[in-house]
């Protein structure tokens, strides 16, 4: 990272080359959770793409003057996308699930035991395998 770690989504958008800064790229990165570490919901970041692409962030950085002259971008906080939709986008863009597998909720709902939990079960106690 040329100027240190990214501070937030807007900082990332400011520092990537304009030629690769497209809606499709930013949406894909957001939808697979690339910016989750910044603490904003994916739907909040999706809405912030318009600010990034409106041209406000395409100014070349010039040290201290850049920070003073650039208007501050603001997030409009939105509810997180539904878990099913997050899983769908992760599968679509990456080919696998990152945050959770859709079957996970069924295991919790039916109280299935994983192999790890089964290995910790008490000896000589009946276990029903379905």
C-alpha atoms as a PDB file:
ATOM      1  CA  UNK A   1       0.000   0.000   0.000  1.00  0.00           C
ATOM      2  CA  UNK A   2       1.680   3.100  -1.215  1.00  0.00           C
ATOM      3  CA  UNK A   3       0.264   5.478   1.417  1.00  0.00           C
ATOM      4  CA  UNK A   4      -0.424   3.044   4.251  1.00  0.00           C
ATOM      5  CA  UNK A   5      -3.539   1.037   4.995  1.00  0.00           C
ATOM      6  CA  UNK A   6      -6.885   2.191   3.685  1.00  0.00           C
ATOM      7  CA  UNK A   7      -8.846   4.174   6.285  1.00  0.00           C
ATOM      8  CA  UNK A   8     -12.290   3.544   4.793  1.00  0.00           C
ATOM      9  CA  UNK A   9     -14.136   2.897   1.543  1.00  0.00           C
ATOM     10  CA  UNK A  10     -13.758   6.501   0.371  1.00  0.00           C
ATOM     11  CA  UNK A  11     -10.014   6.389   1.015  1.00  0.00           C
ATOM     12  CA  UNK A  12      -9.800   3.217  -1.084  1.00  0.00           C
ATOM     13  CA  UNK A  13     -11.795   4.852  -3.886  1.00  0.00           C
ATOM     14  CA  UNK A  14      -9.577   7.943  -3.801  1.00  0.00           C
ATOM     15  CA  UNK A  15      -6.401   5.914  -4.121  1.00  0.00           C
ATOM     16  CA  UNK A  16      -7.241   3.471  -6.913  1.00  0.00           C
ATOM     17  CA  UNK A  17      -6.588   4.550 -10.515  1.00  0.00           C
ATOM     18  CA  UNK A  18      -9.516   6.226 -12.233  1.00  0.00           C
ATOM     19  CA  UNK A  19      -9.288   3.836 -15.204  1.00  0.00           C
ATOM     20  CA  UNK A  20     -10.248   0.838 -13.024  1.00  0.00           C
ATOM     21  CA  UNK A  21     -12.768   2.641 -10.839  1.00  0.00           C
ATOM     22  CA  UNK A  22     -16.028   1.296 -12.230  1.00  0.00           C
ATOM     23  CA  UNK A  23     -19.409   0.634 -10.675  1.00  0.00           C
ATOM     24  CA  UNK A  24     -19.114  -3.048 -11.556  1.00  0.00           C
ATOM     25  CA  UNK A  25     -15.756  -3.419  -9.779  1.00  0.00           C
ATOM     26  CA  UNK A  26     -16.820  -1.507  -6.662  1.00  0.00           C
ATOM     27  CA  UNK A  27     -20.122  -3.405  -6.428  1.00  0.00           C
ATOM     28  CA  UNK A  28     -18.363  -6.758  -6.750  1.00  0.00           C
ATOM     29  CA  UNK A  29     -15.846  -5.899  -4.023  1.00  0.00           C
ATOM     30  CA  UNK A  30     -18.602  -4.673  -1.705  1.00  0.00           C
ATOM     31  CA  UNK A  31     -20.898  -7.640  -2.332  1.00  0.00           C
ATOM     32  CA  UNK A  32     -18.199 -10.209  -1.492  1.00  0.00           C
ATOM     33  CA  UNK A  33     -17.319  -8.412   1.743  1.00  0.00           C
ATOM     34  CA  UNK A  34     -13.970  -6.875   0.792  1.00  0.00           C
ATOM     35  CA  UNK A  35     -14.776  -3.766   2.861  1.00  0.00           C
ATOM     36  CA  UNK A  36     -16.508  -5.417   5.829  1.00  0.00           C
ATOM     37  CA  UNK A  37     -13.526  -4.556   8.059  1.00  0.00           C
ATOM     38  CA  UNK A  38     -14.433  -0.865   7.776  1.00  0.00           C
ATOM     39  CA  UNK A  39     -17.558  -1.438   9.883  1.00  0.00           C
ATOM     40  CA  UNK A  40     -20.185  -0.288   7.388  1.00  0.00           C
ATOM     41  CA  UNK A  41     -22.958  -2.484   6.032  1.00  0.00           C
ATOM     42  CA  UNK A  42     -22.742  -3.654   2.450  1.00  0.00           C
ATOM     43  CA  UNK A  43     -25.941  -1.777   1.585  1.00  0.00           C
ATOM     44  CA  UNK A  44     -24.436   1.442   3.030  1.00  0.00           C
ATOM     45  CA  UNK A  45     -21.336   1.009   0.873  1.00  0.00           C
ATOM     46  CA  UNK A  46     -23.406   0.225  -2.221  1.00  0.00           C
ATOM     47  CA  UNK A  47     -25.156   3.549  -1.776  1.00  0.00           C
ATOM     48  CA  UNK A  48     -21.790   5.320  -1.369  1.00  0.00           C
ATOM     49  CA  UNK A  49     -20.690   4.244  -4.863  1.00  0.00           C
ATOM     50  CA  UNK A  50     -22.588   7.175  -6.384  1.00  0.00           C
ATOM     51  CA  UNK A  51     -20.506   9.654  -4.388  1.00  0.00           C
ATOM     52  CA  UNK A  52     -17.338   7.929  -5.547  1.00  0.00           C
ATOM     53  CA  UNK A  53     -18.317   7.926  -9.209  1.00  0.00           C
ATOM     54  CA  UNK A  54     -19.725  11.469  -9.270  1.00  0.00           C
ATOM     55  CA  UNK A  55     -16.188  12.740  -9.686  1.00  0.00           C
ATOM     56  CA  UNK A  56     -15.597  14.173  -6.219  1.00  0.00           C
ATOM     57  CA  UNK A  57     -12.948  11.573  -5.484  1.00  0.00           C
ATOM     58  CA  UNK A  58     -11.159  11.597  -8.834  1.00  0.00           C
ATOM     59  CA  UNK A  59      -8.958  14.524  -7.882  1.00  0.00           C
ATOM     60  CA  UNK A  60      -5.304  13.570  -7.681  1.00  0.00           C
ATOM     61  CA  UNK A  61      -3.936  13.644  -4.161  1.00  0.00           C
ATOM     62  CA  UNK A  62      -1.502  16.438  -3.428  1.00  0.00           C
ATOM     63  CA  UNK A  63      -0.607  16.014   0.223  1.00  0.00           C
ATOM     64  CA  UNK A  64      -2.025  18.480   2.729  1.00  0.00           C
ATOM     65  CA  UNK A  65      -3.893  20.633   0.180  1.00  0.00           C
ATOM     66  CA  UNK A  66      -5.819  17.590  -1.015  1.00  0.00           C
ATOM     67  CA  UNK A  67      -7.186  16.965   2.490  1.00  0.00           C
ATOM     68  CA  UNK A  68      -8.293  20.589   2.924  1.00  0.00           C
ATOM     69  CA  UNK A  69      -9.873  21.117  -0.498  1.00  0.00           C
ATOM     70  CA  UNK A  70     -11.650  17.780  -0.870  1.00  0.00           C
ATOM     71  CA  UNK A  71     -15.212  17.746   0.455  1.00  0.00           C
ATOM     72  CA  UNK A  72     -15.807  15.094   3.087  1.00  0.00           C
ATOM     73  CA  UNK A  73     -17.891  12.186   1.900  1.00  0.00           C
ATOM     74  CA  UNK A  74     -20.617  10.948   4.205  1.00  0.00           C
ATOM     75  CA  UNK A  75     -22.153   7.523   4.623  1.00  0.00           C
ATOM     76  CA  UNK A  76     -25.905   7.163   4.768  1.00  0.00           C
ATOM     77  CA  UNK A  77     -26.260   4.175   7.081  1.00  0.00           C
ATOM     78  CA  UNK A  78     -28.542   1.447   5.774  1.00  0.00           C
ATOM     79  CA  UNK A  79     -29.677  -1.903   7.167  1.00  0.00           C
ATOM     80  CA  UNK A  80     -27.496  -4.859   6.228  1.00  0.00           C
ATOM     81  CA  UNK A  81     -28.576  -6.971   3.273  1.00  0.00           C
ATOM     82  CA  UNK A  82     -30.454 -10.166   4.169  1.00  0.00           C
ATOM     83  CA  UNK A  83     -28.168 -13.148   4.890  1.00  0.00           C
ATOM     84  CA  UNK A  84     -29.607 -15.115   1.970  1.00  0.00           C
ATOM     85  CA  UNK A  85     -28.789 -12.289  -0.437  1.00  0.00           C
ATOM     86  CA  UNK A  86     -25.254 -11.929   0.951  1.00  0.00           C
ATOM     87  CA  UNK A  87     -24.690 -15.661   0.475  1.00  0.00           C
ATOM     88  CA  UNK A  88     -26.121 -15.492  -3.045  1.00  0.00           C
ATOM     89  CA  UNK A  89     -23.742 -12.687  -4.083  1.00  0.00           C
ATOM     90  CA  UNK A  90     -20.725 -14.400  -2.531  1.00  0.00           C
ATOM     91  CA  UNK A  91     -21.522 -17.601  -4.421  1.00  0.00           C
ATOM     92  CA  UNK A  92     -22.168 -15.669  -7.645  1.00  0.00           C
ATOM     93  CA  UNK A  93     -18.963 -13.603  -7.580  1.00  0.00           C
ATOM     94  CA  UNK A  94     -16.535 -15.982  -5.836  1.00  0.00           C
ATOM     95  CA  UNK A  95     -17.981 -19.405  -6.504  1.00  0.00           C
ATOM     96  CA  UNK A  96     -18.176 -20.219  -2.789  1.00  0.00           C
ATOM     97  CA  UNK A  97     -19.655 -18.855   0.444  1.00  0.00           C
ATOM     98  CA  UNK A  98     -17.563 -16.651   2.728  1.00  0.00           C
ATOM     99  CA  UNK A  99     -19.684 -15.331   5.587  1.00  0.00           C
ATOM    100  CA  UNK A 100     -21.983 -18.311   6.036  1.00  0.00           C
ATOM    101  CA  UNK A 101     -23.300 -21.291   4.142  1.00  0.00           C
ATOM    102  CA  UNK A 102     -27.077 -21.345   3.552  1.00  0.00           C
ATOM    103  CA  UNK A 103     -27.291 -24.785   5.178  1.00  0.00           C
ATOM    104  CA  UNK A 104     -25.806 -23.487   8.467  1.00  0.00           C
ATOM    105  CA  UNK A 105     -29.171 -22.180   9.691  1.00  0.00           C
ATOM    106  CA  UNK A 106     -30.793 -25.566   9.093  1.00  0.00           C
ATOM    107  CA  UNK A 107     -28.157 -27.256  11.255  1.00  0.00           C
ATOM    108  CA  UNK A 108     -28.827 -24.812  14.081  1.00  0.00           C
ATOM    109  CA  UNK A 109     -32.606 -25.067  13.705  1.00  0.00           C
ATOM    110  CA  UNK A 110     -32.589 -28.871  13.874  1.00  0.00           C
ATOM    111  CA  UNK A 111     -29.778 -28.963  16.430  1.00  0.00           C
ATOM    112  CA  UNK A 112     -27.515 -31.216  14.427  1.00  0.00           C
ATOM    113  CA  UNK A 113     -24.132 -32.021  15.883  1.00  0.00           C
ATOM    114  CA  UNK A 114     -20.999 -31.436  13.889  1.00  0.00           C
ATOM    115  CA  UNK A 115     -18.309 -34.126  13.844  1.00  0.00           C
ATOM    116  CA  UNK A 116     -16.246 -32.062  16.267  1.00  0.00           C
ATOM    117  CA  UNK A 117     -19.088 -31.882  18.795  1.00  0.00           C
ATOM    118  CA  UNK A 118     -19.818 -35.570  18.281  1.00  0.00           C
ATOM    119  CA  UNK A 119     -16.228 -36.461  19.159  1.00  0.00           C
ATOM    120  CA  UNK A 120     -16.688 -34.626  22.457  1.00  0.00           C
ATOM    121  CA  UNK A 121     -19.898 -36.518  23.312  1.00  0.00           C
ATOM    122  CA  UNK A 122     -19.954 -38.571  26.478  1.00  0.00           C
ATOM    123  CA  UNK A 123     -19.064 -42.238  26.173  1.00  0.00           C
ATOM    124  CA  UNK A 124     -21.760 -44.867  26.621  1.00  0.00           C
ATOM    125  CA  UNK A 125     -24.546 -42.372  25.902  1.00  0.00           C
ATOM    126  CA  UNK A 126     -26.932 -43.067  23.014  1.00  0.00           C
ATOM    127  CA  UNK A 127     -26.629 -40.820  19.963  1.00  0.00           C
ATOM    128  CA  UNK A 128     -29.293 -40.778  17.282  1.00  0.00           C
ATOM    129  CA  UNK A 129     -27.901 -40.544  13.750  1.00  0.00           C
ATOM    130  CA  UNK A 130     -30.427 -39.619  11.065  1.00  0.00           C
END
